[in-house]
C-alpha atoms as a PDB file:
ATOM      1  CA  MET A   1      15.992 -34.300-109.675  1.00  0.00           C
ATOM      2  CA  LYS A   2      16.177 -32.042-112.348  1.00  0.00           C
ATOM      3  CA  LYS A   3      17.293 -29.881-114.452  1.00  0.00           C
ATOM      4  CA  TYR A   4      20.037 -28.700-116.658  1.00  0.00           C
ATOM      5  CA  ILE A   5      19.147 -25.089-118.160  1.00  0.00           C
ATOM      6  CA  CYS A   6      21.917 -22.865-119.397  1.00  0.00           C
ATOM      7  CA  LEU A   7      21.167 -18.734-118.718  1.00  0.00           C
ATOM      8  CA  PHE A   8      22.206 -16.589-121.700  1.00  0.00           C
ATOM      9  CA  LEU A   9      22.646 -12.987-120.186  1.00  0.00           C
ATOM     10  CA  ALA A  10      26.695 -12.048-121.488  1.00  0.00           C
ATOM     11  CA  VAL A  11      29.388 -13.719-121.994  1.00  0.00           C
ATOM     12  CA  VAL A  12      30.732 -14.979-118.632  1.00  0.00           C
ATOM     13  CA  CYS A  13      29.651 -18.616-117.292  1.00  0.00           C
ATOM     14  CA  VAL A  14      28.221 -19.286-114.025  1.00  0.00           C
ATOM     15  CA  ILE A  15      27.930 -23.143-112.767  1.00  0.00           C
ATOM     16  CA  PHE A  16      25.270 -24.023-111.050  1.00  0.00           C
ATOM     17  CA  SER A  17      25.023 -27.953-109.129  1.00  0.00           C
ATOM     18  CA  ALA A  18      22.603 -29.128-110.914  1.00  0.00           C
ATOM     19  CA  GLY A  19      23.079 -27.415-114.349  1.00  0.00           C
ATOM     20  CA  CYS A  20      25.009 -24.220-115.920  1.00  0.00           C
ATOM     21  CA  GLY A  21      24.099 -20.996-116.204  1.00  0.00           C
ATOM     22  CA  GLU A  22      25.332 -19.311-119.569  1.00  0.00           C
ATOM     23  CA  GLY A  23      25.852 -15.409-118.136  1.00  0.00           C
ATOM     24  CA  ASP A  24      25.282 -13.555-115.004  1.00  0.00           C
ATOM     25  CA  PRO A  25      22.345 -12.291-114.481  1.00  0.00           C
ATOM     26  CA  SER A  26      24.097  -9.199-112.262  1.00  0.00           C
ATOM     27  CA  ALA A  27      25.115  -8.243-115.785  1.00  0.00           C
ATOM     28  CA  ALA A  28      22.580  -6.408-117.388  1.00  0.00           C
ATOM     29  CA  ASP A  29      22.695  -3.135-118.687  1.00  0.00           C
ATOM     30  CA  LYS A  30      24.500  -0.535-115.577  1.00  0.00           C
ATOM     31  CA  SER A  31      23.347   2.251-116.646  1.00  0.00           C
ATOM     32  CA  SER A  32      20.077   1.766-116.092  1.00  0.00           C
ATOM     33  CA  PRO A  33      18.804   3.257-112.442  1.00  0.00           C
ATOM     34  CA  ALA A  34      17.295   0.439-111.095  1.00  0.00           C
ATOM     35  CA  GLU A  35      19.146  -0.784-108.057  1.00  0.00           C
ATOM     36  CA  GLU A  36      20.359  -4.166-108.430  1.00  0.00           C
ATOM     37  CA  ASN A  37      20.829  -6.819-106.194  1.00  0.00           C
ATOM     38  CA  THR A  38      21.889 -10.726-105.933  1.00  0.00           C
ATOM     39  CA  ARG A  39      21.643 -13.725-103.903  1.00  0.00           C
ATOM     40  CA  GLU A  40      22.991 -17.258-103.487  1.00  0.00           C
ATOM     41  CA  LEU A  41      22.091 -19.608-101.156  1.00  0.00           C
ATOM     42  CA  PHE A  42      22.119 -23.455-100.795  1.00  0.00           C
ATOM     43  CA  ALA A  43      18.120 -25.518-100.994  1.00  0.00           C
ATOM     44  CA  MET A  44      15.841 -27.957-101.745  1.00  0.00           C
ATOM     45  CA  ASP A  45      19.358 -29.558-101.749  1.00  0.00           C
ATOM     46  CA  THR A  46      20.664 -27.433-105.189  1.00  0.00           C
ATOM     47  CA  TYR A  47      22.208 -24.097-105.309  1.00  0.00           C
ATOM     48  CA  MET A  48      20.006 -21.427-106.230  1.00  0.00           C
ATOM     49  CA  THR A  49      20.486 -17.651-107.695  1.00  0.00           C
ATOM     50  CA  LEU A  50      18.228 -14.881-107.121  1.00  0.00           C
ATOM     51  CA  THR A  51      18.418 -11.065-108.792  1.00  0.00           C
ATOM     52  CA  ALA A  52      16.269  -8.394-108.574  1.00  0.00           C
ATOM     53  CA  TYR A  53      16.112  -4.717-109.989  1.00  0.00           C
ATOM     54  CA  GLY A  54      14.170  -2.268-108.217  1.00  0.00           C
ATOM     55  CA  GLU A  55      14.023   0.376-104.810  1.00  0.00           C
ATOM     56  CA  LYS A  56      13.047  -2.524-102.771  1.00  0.00           C
ATOM     57  CA  SER A  57      15.122  -4.810-104.249  1.00  0.00           C
ATOM     58  CA  ALA A  58      17.164  -5.790-101.666  1.00  0.00           C
ATOM     59  CA  GLU A  59      14.015  -6.116 -99.322  1.00  0.00           C
ATOM     60  CA  ALA A  60      12.592  -8.666-102.318  1.00  0.00           C
ATOM     61  CA  LEU A  61      15.308 -10.583-102.032  1.00  0.00           C
ATOM     62  CA  ASP A  62      15.408 -11.195 -98.044  1.00  0.00           C
ATOM     63  CA  ALA A  63      11.760 -12.310 -98.148  1.00  0.00           C
ATOM     64  CA  ALA A  64      12.075 -14.782-100.914  1.00  0.00           C
ATOM     65  CA  GLU A  65      15.218 -16.099 -99.266  1.00  0.00           C
ATOM     66  CA  LYS A  66      12.975 -16.566 -96.029  1.00  0.00           C
ATOM     67  CA  GLU A  67       9.948 -18.081 -98.498  1.00  0.00           C
ATOM     68  CA  ILE A  68      12.223 -20.175 -99.886  1.00  0.00           C
ATOM     69  CA  LYS A  69      13.859 -22.091 -96.978  1.00  0.00           C
ATOM     70  CA  ARG A  70      10.118 -21.938 -95.539  1.00  0.00           C
ATOM     71  CA  LEU A  71       9.220 -24.192 -98.114  1.00  0.00           C
ATOM     72  CA  ASP A  72      12.502 -26.379 -98.131  1.00  0.00           C
ATOM     73  CA  SER A  73      11.472 -27.081 -94.313  1.00  0.00           C
ATOM     74  CA  LEU A  74       8.303 -27.595 -95.451  1.00  0.00           C
ATOM     75  CA  LEU A  75       8.278 -30.066 -98.565  1.00  0.00           C
ATOM     76  CA  SER A  76      11.397 -31.609 -98.201  1.00  0.00           C
ATOM     77  CA  VAL A  77      11.604 -36.095 -97.667  1.00  0.00           C
ATOM     78  CA  GLY A  78      15.187 -35.535 -96.280  1.00  0.00           C
ATOM     79  CA  ASP A  79      14.155 -33.547 -93.298  1.00  0.00           C
ATOM     80  CA  GLU A  80      12.482 -36.096 -90.940  1.00  0.00           C
ATOM     81  CA  ASN A  81      10.332 -33.259 -89.082  1.00  0.00           C
ATOM     82  CA  SER A  82       8.871 -31.452 -92.180  1.00  0.00           C
ATOM     83  CA  GLU A  83       5.083 -31.536 -93.100  1.00  0.00           C
ATOM     84  CA  ILE A  84       5.400 -34.238 -96.019  1.00  0.00           C
ATOM     85  CA  ALA A  85       7.885 -36.490 -94.229  1.00  0.00           C
ATOM     86  CA  ARG A  86       5.815 -36.678 -91.174  1.00  0.00           C
ATOM     87  CA  THR A  87       2.549 -37.448 -93.787  1.00  0.00           C
ATOM     88  CA  ASN A  88       4.471 -40.574 -94.948  1.00  0.00           C
ATOM     89  CA  GLU A  89       5.777 -41.684 -91.885  1.00  0.00           C
ATOM     90  CA  ASP A  90       1.986 -41.103 -90.244  1.00  0.00           C
ATOM     91  CA  GLY A  91       0.526 -42.280 -93.659  1.00  0.00           C
ATOM     92  CA  GLY A  92      -1.315 -39.286 -93.837  1.00  0.00           C
ATOM     93  CA  GLY A  93      -2.615 -36.137 -91.969  1.00  0.00           C
ATOM     94  CA  THR A  94      -3.793 -32.542 -92.202  1.00  0.00           C
ATOM     95  CA  VAL A  95      -1.888 -30.352 -94.678  1.00  0.00           C
ATOM     96  CA  SER A  96      -1.135 -27.043 -95.271  1.00  0.00           C
ATOM     97  CA  GLU A  97      -2.259 -24.543 -98.358  1.00  0.00           C
ATOM     98  CA  ASP A  98       0.770 -25.041-100.127  1.00  0.00           C
ATOM     99  CA  THR A  99       0.976 -28.648 -99.525  1.00  0.00           C
ATOM    100  CA  ALA A 100      -2.766 -28.964-100.778  1.00  0.00           C
ATOM    101  CA  ALA A 101      -1.862 -26.641-103.624  1.00  0.00           C
ATOM    102  CA  LEU A 102       0.401 -29.102-105.050  1.00  0.00           C
ATOM    103  CA  LEU A 103      -1.736 -31.957-104.717  1.00  0.00           C
ATOM    104  CA  GLY A 104      -3.928 -30.042-107.005  1.00  0.00           C
ATOM    105  CA  TYR A 105      -1.513 -29.428-109.807  1.00  0.00           C
ATOM    106  CA  SER A 106      -0.072 -32.885-109.455  1.00  0.00           C
ATOM    107  CA  ARG A 107      -3.387 -34.649-109.270  1.00  0.00           C
ATOM    108  CA  ARG A 108      -4.296 -32.559-112.168  1.00  0.00           C
ATOM    109  CA  ILE A 109      -1.132 -33.459-114.409  1.00  0.00           C
ATOM    110  CA  TYR A 110      -1.494 -37.093-113.546  1.00  0.00           C
ATOM    111  CA  GLU A 111      -5.025 -37.347-114.368  1.00  0.00           C
ATOM    112  CA  GLU A 112      -4.301 -35.738-117.808  1.00  0.00           C
ATOM    113  CA  THR A 113      -1.187 -37.423-118.707  1.00  0.00           C
ATOM    114  CA  ASP A 114      -2.206 -41.285-117.898  1.00  0.00           C
ATOM    115  CA  GLY A 115      -0.200 -40.911-114.679  1.00  0.00           C
ATOM    116  CA  ALA A 116       2.971 -40.101-116.623  1.00  0.00           C
ATOM    117  CA  PHE A 117       3.721 -37.392-113.380  1.00  0.00           C
ATOM    118  CA  ASP A 118       3.149 -39.407-110.025  1.00  0.00           C
ATOM    119  CA  ILE A 119       4.028 -38.028-106.920  1.00  0.00           C
ATOM    120  CA  THR A 120       3.942 -41.467-105.326  1.00  0.00           C
ATOM    121  CA  ILE A 121       6.605 -43.152-107.060  1.00  0.00           C
ATOM    122  CA  TYR A 122       8.719 -41.855-104.240  1.00  0.00           C
ATOM    123  CA  PRO A 123       8.976 -45.515-102.819  1.00  0.00           C
ATOM    124  CA  LEU A 124      10.641 -46.685-105.651  1.00  0.00           C
ATOM    125  CA  MET A 125      12.919 -44.050-106.210  1.00  0.00           C
ATOM    126  CA  LYS A 126      14.227 -44.948-102.791  1.00  0.00           C
ATOM    127  CA  LEU A 127      14.298 -48.984-103.890  1.00  0.00           C
ATOM    128  CA  TRP A 128      16.265 -47.647-107.056  1.00  0.00           C
ATOM    129  CA  GLY A 129      18.747 -45.920-104.612  1.00  0.00           C
ATOM    130  CA  PHE A 130      17.917 -41.873-105.957  1.00  0.00           C
ATOM    131  CA  THR A 131      17.077 -41.220-102.524  1.00  0.00           C
ATOM    132  CA  GLU A 132      20.035 -41.638-101.193  1.00  0.00           C
ATOM    133  CA  ASP A 133      22.452 -41.737-104.231  1.00  0.00           C
ATOM    134  CA  LYS A 134      23.239 -45.223-103.610  1.00  0.00           C
ATOM    135  CA  GLN A 135      21.975 -46.226-107.014  1.00  0.00           C
ATOM    136  CA  SER A 136      21.739 -50.256-107.884  1.00  0.00           C
ATOM    137  CA  VAL A 137      19.437 -52.152-110.054  1.00  0.00           C
ATOM    138  CA  PRO A 138      16.560 -53.398-107.508  1.00  0.00           C
ATOM    139  CA  ASP A 139      15.224 -57.310-107.998  1.00  0.00           C
ATOM    140  CA  GLU A 140      12.775 -57.107-110.416  1.00  0.00           C
ATOM    141  CA  LYS A 141      10.112 -58.400-107.601  1.00  0.00           C
ATOM    142  CA  LYS A 142      10.850 -55.644-105.576  1.00  0.00           C
ATOM    143  CA  ILE A 143       9.976 -53.993-108.169  1.00  0.00           C
ATOM    144  CA  SER A 144       6.779 -55.132-108.814  1.00  0.00           C
ATOM    145  CA  SER A 145       5.661 -55.337-105.600  1.00  0.00           C
ATOM    146  CA  VAL A 146       6.189 -51.235-104.706  1.00  0.00           C
ATOM    147  CA  LEU A 147       5.277 -50.791-108.114  1.00  0.00           C
ATOM    148  CA  ALA A 148       1.904 -52.316-106.891  1.00  0.00           C
ATOM    149  CA  ASP A 149       1.494 -49.678-104.083  1.00  0.00           C
ATOM    150  CA  THR A 150       2.101 -46.755-106.373  1.00  0.00           C
ATOM    151  CA  GLY A 151      -0.811 -44.249-107.846  1.00  0.00           C
ATOM    152  CA  PHE A 152      -1.926 -40.631-107.549  1.00  0.00           C
ATOM    153  CA  ASP A 153      -5.103 -42.465-107.849  1.00  0.00           C
ATOM    154  CA  ARG A 154      -4.639 -44.382-104.630  1.00  0.00           C
ATOM    155  CA  LEU A 155      -4.678 -41.474-102.472  1.00  0.00           C
ATOM    156  CA  ASN A 156      -7.559 -39.638-100.334  1.00  0.00           C
ATOM    157  CA  TYR A 157      -7.674 -35.655-100.585  1.00  0.00           C
ATOM    158  CA  ASN A 158     -10.505 -34.193 -98.563  1.00  0.00           C
ATOM    159  CA  ASN A 159     -11.070 -30.958 -96.408  1.00  0.00           C
ATOM    160  CA  GLY A 160      -7.652 -30.534 -95.720  1.00  0.00           C
ATOM    161  CA  LYS A 161      -7.094 -34.186 -95.131  1.00  0.00           C
ATOM    162  CA  LEU A 162      -4.526 -36.479 -97.171  1.00  0.00           C
ATOM    163  CA  THR A 163      -4.862 -39.986 -96.407  1.00  0.00           C
ATOM    164  CA  LEU A 164      -2.075 -42.107 -97.935  1.00  0.00           C
ATOM    165  CA  GLY A 165      -2.837 -45.578 -99.392  1.00  0.00           C
ATOM    166  CA  SER A 166      -1.353 -48.661 -97.822  1.00  0.00           C
ATOM    167  CA  GLY A 167       2.674 -48.478 -98.859  1.00  0.00           C
ATOM    168  CA  GLN A 168       2.649 -45.014-100.022  1.00  0.00           C
ATOM    169  CA  GLY A 169       4.861 -41.960 -99.820  1.00  0.00           C
ATOM    170  CA  ILE A 170       4.920 -38.798-101.667  1.00  0.00           C
ATOM    171  CA  ASP A 171       7.620 -36.379-103.179  1.00  0.00           C
ATOM    172  CA  PHE A 172       6.993 -32.942-104.700  1.00  0.00           C
ATOM    173  CA  GLY A 173      10.452 -33.267-105.976  1.00  0.00           C
ATOM    174  CA  GLY A 174       9.476 -33.326-109.564  1.00  0.00           C
ATOM    175  CA  ILE A 175       7.156 -30.282-109.034  1.00  0.00           C
ATOM    176  CA  ALA A 176       8.170 -28.106-105.662  1.00  0.00           C
ATOM    177  CA  LYS A 177      11.026 -25.694-107.520  1.00  0.00           C
ATOM    178  CA  GLY A 178       8.881 -24.760-110.207  1.00  0.00           C
ATOM    179  CA  TYR A 179       6.108 -23.429-107.392  1.00  0.00           C
ATOM    180  CA  THR A 180       9.313 -21.798-105.306  1.00  0.00           C
ATOM    181  CA  SER A 181      10.049 -19.801-108.296  1.00  0.00           C
ATOM    182  CA  GLY A 182       6.207 -18.994-108.742  1.00  0.00           C
ATOM    183  CA  ARG A 183       6.342 -17.808-105.181  1.00  0.00           C
ATOM    184  CA  VAL A 184       9.453 -15.956-105.707  1.00  0.00           C
ATOM    185  CA  MET A 185       7.310 -14.222-108.679  1.00  0.00           C
ATOM    186  CA  LYS A 186       4.322 -13.200-106.319  1.00  0.00           C
ATOM    187  CA  ILE A 187       7.085 -11.422-104.149  1.00  0.00           C
ATOM    188  CA  PHE A 188       9.110  -9.616-106.725  1.00  0.00           C
ATOM    189  CA  SER A 189       5.549  -8.507-107.664  1.00  0.00           C
ATOM    190  CA  GLU A 190       4.751  -7.138-103.643  1.00  0.00           C
ATOM    191  CA  TYR A 191       8.026  -5.584-103.653  1.00  0.00           C
ATOM    192  CA  GLY A 192       7.401  -3.715-106.665  1.00  0.00           C
ATOM    193  CA  ILE A 193      10.165  -5.552-108.294  1.00  0.00           C
ATOM    194  CA  SER A 194       9.349  -5.582-112.719  1.00  0.00           C
ATOM    195  CA  SER A 195      12.979  -6.831-114.097  1.00  0.00           C
ATOM    196  CA  GLY A 196      14.599  -9.962-112.423  1.00  0.00           C
ATOM    197  CA  ILE A 197      15.895 -13.603-112.433  1.00  0.00           C
ATOM    198  CA  VAL A 198      15.511 -16.561-110.400  1.00  0.00           C
ATOM    199  CA  SER A 199      17.654 -20.096-111.251  1.00  0.00           C
ATOM    200  CA  LEU A 200      15.997 -22.343-108.605  1.00  0.00           C
ATOM    201  CA  GLY A 201      18.962 -25.532-109.135  1.00  0.00           C
ATOM    202  CA  GLY A 202      18.354 -24.581-113.177  1.00  0.00           C
ATOM    203  CA  ASN A 203      14.837 -23.765-113.041  1.00  0.00           C
ATOM    204  CA  VAL A 204      14.813 -20.354-114.496  1.00  0.00           C
ATOM    205  CA  GLN A 205      12.123 -18.155-113.893  1.00  0.00           C
ATOM    206  CA  CYS A 206      12.005 -14.389-116.011  1.00  0.00           C
ATOM    207  CA  CYS A 207      10.302 -11.499-114.131  1.00  0.00           C
ATOM    208  CA  GLY A 208       9.675  -9.186-117.095  1.00  0.00           C
ATOM    209  CA  LYS A 209      12.265  -8.007-119.180  1.00  0.00           C
ATOM    210  CA  LYS A 210      15.912  -7.248-118.762  1.00  0.00           C
ATOM    211  CA  GLN A 211      17.062  -3.865-117.570  1.00  0.00           C
ATOM    212  CA  ASP A 212      18.242  -2.562-121.061  1.00  0.00           C
ATOM    213  CA  GLY A 213      14.238  -3.460-122.473  1.00  0.00           C
ATOM    214  CA  SER A 214      15.353  -6.922-124.484  1.00  0.00           C
ATOM    215  CA  LEU A 215      14.289 -10.275-123.656  1.00  0.00           C
ATOM    216  CA  TRP A 216      15.728 -12.966-120.967  1.00  0.00           C
ATOM    217  CA  ARG A 217      17.713 -15.429-123.378  1.00  0.00           C
ATOM    218  CA  CYS A 218      17.462 -18.959-121.619  1.00  0.00           C
ATOM    219  CA  GLY A 219      19.893 -21.586-123.127  1.00  0.00           C
ATOM    220  CA  ILE A 220      19.039 -25.111-123.727  1.00  0.00           C
ATOM    221  CA  THR A 221      21.927 -27.570-122.550  1.00  0.00           C
ATOM    222  CA  ASP A 222      22.547 -30.216-125.619  1.00  0.00           C
ATOM    223  CA  PRO A 223      22.327 -33.635-124.090  1.00  0.00           C
ATOM    224  CA  ASP A 224      25.458 -34.673-125.931  1.00  0.00           C
ATOM    225  CA  HIS A 225      27.541 -32.066-123.802  1.00  0.00           C
ATOM    226  CA  PRO A 226      25.658 -31.632-120.689  1.00  0.00           C
ATOM    227  CA  GLU A 227      29.164 -30.277-118.908  1.00  0.00           C
ATOM    228  CA  ASP A 228      30.076 -27.987-121.755  1.00  0.00           C
ATOM    229  CA  SER A 229      28.377 -24.628-120.971  1.00  0.00           C
ATOM    230  CA  SER A 230      30.039 -23.625-124.769  1.00  0.00           C
ATOM    231  CA  SER A 231      27.397 -26.679-126.107  1.00  0.00           C
ATOM    232  CA  LEU A 232      23.445 -25.765-126.708  1.00  0.00           C
ATOM    233  CA  ALA A 233      20.815 -27.246-128.419  1.00  0.00           C
ATOM    234  CA  GLY A 234      19.192 -23.393-128.845  1.00  0.00           C
ATOM    235  CA  ILE A 235      18.315 -20.508-127.203  1.00  0.00           C
ATOM    236  CA  VAL A 236      14.614 -19.330-126.293  1.00  0.00           C
ATOM    237  CA  SER A 237      14.233 -15.925-125.622  1.00  0.00           C
ATOM    238  CA  VAL A 238      11.488 -15.254-123.278  1.00  0.00           C
ATOM    239  CA  SER A 239      10.015 -12.583-120.748  1.00  0.00           C
ATOM    240  CA  ASP A 240       8.004 -13.316-117.447  1.00  0.00           C
ATOM    241  CA  LYS A 241       8.311 -17.128-117.845  1.00  0.00           C
ATOM    242  CA  ALA A 242       9.743 -20.338-116.712  1.00  0.00           C
ATOM    243  CA  VAL A 243      11.677 -22.017-118.550  1.00  0.00           C
ATOM    244  CA  ILE A 244      12.555 -26.112-117.603  1.00  0.00           C
ATOM    245  CA  THR A 245      14.009 -28.727-118.471  1.00  0.00           C
ATOM    246  CA  SER A 246      14.067 -32.613-117.641  1.00  0.00           C
ATOM    247  CA  GLY A 247      16.730 -34.935-119.249  1.00  0.00           C
ATOM    248  CA  GLY A 248      18.009 -38.543-118.927  1.00  0.00           C
ATOM    249  CA  TYR A 249      21.605 -37.238-119.141  1.00  0.00           C
ATOM    250  CA  GLU A 250      21.308 -34.812-115.747  1.00  0.00           C
ATOM    251  CA  ARG A 251      21.363 -37.814-113.220  1.00  0.00           C
ATOM    252  CA  PHE A 252      22.214 -41.711-114.092  1.00  0.00           C
ATOM    253  CA  PHE A 253      24.155 -44.549-112.981  1.00  0.00           C
ATOM    254  CA  THR A 254      25.616 -47.526-115.299  1.00  0.00           C
ATOM    255  CA  GLU A 255      25.730 -51.341-113.815  1.00  0.00           C
ATOM    256  CA  LYS A 256      26.847 -53.949-116.081  1.00  0.00           C
ATOM    257  CA  GLY A 257      27.597 -51.957-119.012  1.00  0.00           C
ATOM    258  CA  LYS A 258      23.465 -50.681-119.280  1.00  0.00           C
ATOM    259  CA  THR A 259      22.805 -46.669-118.437  1.00  0.00           C
ATOM    260  CA  TYR A 260      19.658 -46.165-116.271  1.00  0.00           C
ATOM    261  CA  HIS A 261      18.160 -42.438-115.214  1.00  0.00           C
ATOM    262  CA  HIS A 262      16.231 -40.781-112.621  1.00  0.00           C
ATOM    263  CA  ILE A 263      13.273 -40.430-114.496  1.00  0.00           C
ATOM    264  CA  MET A 264      10.824 -43.206-113.984  1.00  0.00           C
ATOM    265  CA  ASP A 265       8.035 -43.980-115.827  1.00  0.00           C
ATOM    266  CA  PRO A 266       5.144 -44.816-112.849  1.00  0.00           C
ATOM    267  CA  SER A 267       3.903 -47.620-115.363  1.00  0.00           C
ATOM    268  CA  THR A 268       6.570 -49.574-115.417  1.00  0.00           C
ATOM    269  CA  GLY A 269       8.380 -49.080-112.111  1.00  0.00           C
ATOM    270  CA  HIS A 270      11.837 -48.830-114.071  1.00  0.00           C
ATOM    271  CA  PRO A 271      13.552 -45.176-115.463  1.00  0.00           C
ATOM    272  CA  SER A 272      12.039 -44.126-118.449  1.00  0.00           C
ATOM    273  CA  GLU A 273      12.266 -45.571-122.253  1.00  0.00           C
ATOM    274  CA  SER A 274      10.779 -43.087-124.388  1.00  0.00           C
ATOM    275  CA  ASP A 275      12.236 -41.658-127.519  1.00  0.00           C
ATOM    276  CA  LEU A 276      13.293 -38.197-125.715  1.00  0.00           C
ATOM    277  CA  VAL A 277      16.206 -37.150-124.437  1.00  0.00           C
ATOM    278  CA  SER A 278      15.313 -33.523-123.184  1.00  0.00           C
ATOM    279  CA  VAL A 279      12.381 -32.150-122.863  1.00  0.00           C
ATOM    280  CA  SER A 280      11.887 -27.740-122.452  1.00  0.00           C
ATOM    281  CA  ILE A 281       8.690 -26.432-120.953  1.00  0.00           C
ATOM    282  CA  VAL A 282       8.211 -22.577-121.398  1.00  0.00           C
ATOM    283  CA  SER A 283       5.478 -21.335-119.471  1.00  0.00           C
ATOM    284  CA  ALA A 284       4.270 -18.735-117.382  1.00  0.00           C
ATOM    285  CA  ASP A 285       3.166 -21.040-114.762  1.00  0.00           C
ATOM    286  CA  ALA A 286       6.493 -22.329-113.466  1.00  0.00           C
ATOM    287  CA  THR A 287       4.961 -25.186-111.274  1.00  0.00           C
ATOM    288  CA  LEU A 288       2.671 -26.625-114.506  1.00  0.00           C
ATOM    289  CA  ALA A 289       6.149 -26.665-116.908  1.00  0.00           C
ATOM    290  CA  ASP A 290       7.947 -28.016-113.524  1.00  0.00           C
ATOM    291  CA  GLY A 291       5.685 -31.305-113.540  1.00  0.00           C
ATOM    292  CA  LEU A 292       4.777 -31.329-116.992  1.00  0.00           C
ATOM    293  CA  SER A 293       8.778 -31.193-117.998  1.00  0.00           C
ATOM    294  CA  THR A 294       8.808 -34.307-116.330  1.00  0.00           C
ATOM    295  CA  ALA A 295       5.712 -35.538-117.684  1.00  0.00           C
ATOM    296  CA  CYS A 296       6.161 -35.192-121.045  1.00  0.00           C
ATOM    297  CA  PHE A 297       9.669 -36.834-121.016  1.00  0.00           C
ATOM    298  CA  VAL A 298       7.642 -39.984-119.534  1.00  0.00           C
ATOM    299  CA  MET A 299       5.331 -39.625-122.624  1.00  0.00           C
ATOM    300  CA  GLY A 300       7.615 -39.415-125.438  1.00  0.00           C
ATOM    301  CA  ARG A 301       7.393 -37.152-128.391  1.00  0.00           C
ATOM    302  CA  GLU A 302       3.617 -38.367-129.770  1.00  0.00           C
ATOM    303  CA  LYS A 303       2.032 -38.574-127.235  1.00  0.00           C
ATOM    304  CA  ALA A 304       3.742 -35.172-126.030  1.00  0.00           C
ATOM    305  CA  VAL A 305       2.607 -33.512-128.750  1.00  0.00           C
ATOM    306  CA  GLN A 306      -1.037 -34.663-128.305  1.00  0.00           C
ATOM    307  CA  TYR A 307      -1.036 -33.504-124.774  1.00  0.00           C
ATOM    308  CA  TRP A 308       0.449 -30.018-126.338  1.00  0.00           C
ATOM    309  CA  ARG A 309      -2.114 -29.331-128.802  1.00  0.00           C
ATOM    310  CA  SER A 310      -4.938 -29.564-126.458  1.00  0.00           C
ATOM    311  CA  HIS A 311      -3.384 -26.900-123.614  1.00  0.00           C
ATOM    312  CA  SER A 312      -1.162 -24.594-126.399  1.00  0.00           C
ATOM    313  CA  ASP A 313      -2.850 -22.543-124.368  1.00  0.00           C
ATOM    314  CA  GLU A 314      -0.846 -23.003-121.255  1.00  0.00           C
ATOM    315  CA  PHE A 315       2.361 -23.660-122.310  1.00  0.00           C
ATOM    316  CA  ASP A 316       5.106 -24.352-124.971  1.00  0.00           C
ATOM    317  CA  MET A 317       8.305 -26.932-125.446  1.00  0.00           C
ATOM    318  CA  ILE A 318      11.509 -28.097-127.063  1.00  0.00           C
ATOM    319  CA  LEU A 319      12.141 -31.820-127.330  1.00  0.00           C
ATOM    320  CA  ILE A 320      15.046 -33.478-128.399  1.00  0.00           C
ATOM    321  CA  ASP A 321      14.676 -36.967-129.385  1.00  0.00           C
ATOM    322  CA  THR A 322      16.962 -40.251-129.105  1.00  0.00           C
ATOM    323  CA  ASP A 323      17.754 -39.696-132.975  1.00  0.00           C
ATOM    324  CA  ARG A 324      18.681 -36.022-131.799  1.00  0.00           C
ATOM    325  CA  LYS A 325      16.146 -34.415-133.769  1.00  0.00           C
ATOM    326  CA  LEU A 326      14.799 -31.271-131.984  1.00  0.00           C
ATOM    327  CA  TYR A 327      11.512 -29.846-132.164  1.00  0.00           C
ATOM    328  CA  ILE A 328       9.470 -26.997-130.971  1.00  0.00           C
ATOM    329  CA  THR A 329       6.176 -26.196-130.650  1.00  0.00           C
ATOM    330  CA  ALA A 330       4.691 -23.285-132.452  1.00  0.00           C
ATOM    331  CA  GLY A 331       4.421 -20.669-129.523  1.00  0.00           C
ATOM    332  CA  LEU A 332       8.447 -20.465-130.134  1.00  0.00           C
ATOM    333  CA  ASP A 333       8.275 -19.552-133.963  1.00  0.00           C
ATOM    334  CA  GLY A 334      10.639 -16.550-133.595  1.00  0.00           C
ATOM    335  CA  SER A 335      11.303 -16.405-130.208  1.00  0.00           C
ATOM    336  CA  PHE A 336      13.962 -19.953-130.626  1.00  0.00           C
ATOM    337  CA  GLU A 337      17.232 -19.614-132.388  1.00  0.00           C
ATOM    338  CA  SER A 338      19.673 -22.713-132.902  1.00  0.00           C
ATOM    339  CA  ASP A 339      22.540 -23.772-135.304  1.00  0.00           C
ATOM    340  CA  LEU A 340      21.028 -26.912-135.515  1.00  0.00           C
ATOM    341  CA  SER A 341      18.110 -27.583-138.023  1.00  0.00           C
ATOM    342  CA  PHE A 342      14.620 -28.243-135.759  1.00  0.00           C
ATOM    343  CA  GLN A 343      11.471 -28.750-137.025  1.00  0.00           C
ATOM    344  CA  LEU A 344       8.423 -27.003-136.242  1.00  0.00           C
ATOM    345  CA  ILE A 345       5.353 -28.532-134.634  1.00  0.00           C
ATOM    346  CA  ASP A 346       1.995 -27.049-135.700  1.00  0.00           C
ATOM    347  CA  ARG A 347      -1.122 -26.595-133.656  1.00  0.00           C
ATOM    348  CA  ARG A 348      -2.915 -28.903-135.895  1.00  0.00           C
ATOM    349  CA  GLU A 349      -2.006 -31.957-136.873  1.00  0.00           C
END
């Protein structure tokens, strides 16, 4: 369901299905003795690229690919045999440790953002046609009816067993790729990989630094020109961080002259109409970053900034509003660059 992220590592441009990759992860310092291996695969309905450097890099990528496919088969709502699809069909059930972990993250973000991130909007996404790429504006009575059944607080999870409320369905599409890239980072660590990078459909997470000792440079797509990989809102330099973006320009349809994007506001049952067009979250915790990129988009600039000020030790963010003004939080000062003017958001008001 997201993201567009451009990855700056060299001058070569690689296009991914859910975004653009500005640069080639395999173009790191060739003089390094560390063995380089790159893997490309299709999973979670998107193209993925994984690159690792080290003596056991090939084995690490084998393990990472196996883990990605395992999580895909576990979490996919489109696979009737997956745990999530069966849970939705049965109205609940005993869940795995992975699902339990994702429920924990989802509950926390739901509660702390006053419901701006809600995995129970899956029936709404289906109603609008985003799950099957058959989008259309639903009847308001249908929206109201489905909306009445949403709400994470109507779920019941206890001792490994999840029970859904009447009419409910869940989907971890807004957080699963972040969780998956975090799992890949753990695998890299187990295999002694100290330098690597993964792009799971544009969800970028960096392991350590590049082979030459420099930081990874991740470009933030210009919302006005999302298909143009040379048009960037800015570049953020990171190590051991995830950079995950949500934007209304990523997936949308037009009906009767009005554009509707895929980021749903759980409070209205309609696509979010906040004052933001792009939110990029930078964090060592990719699962948190994934969920917050959606939540902050829905909350809008003022509430997103308030939330960050209470949690600035966990993440930073790059915001672009509907007036095309660009903002970065204080933790990115010195690591963000742009040809555009931007405003630094302090930790204190």
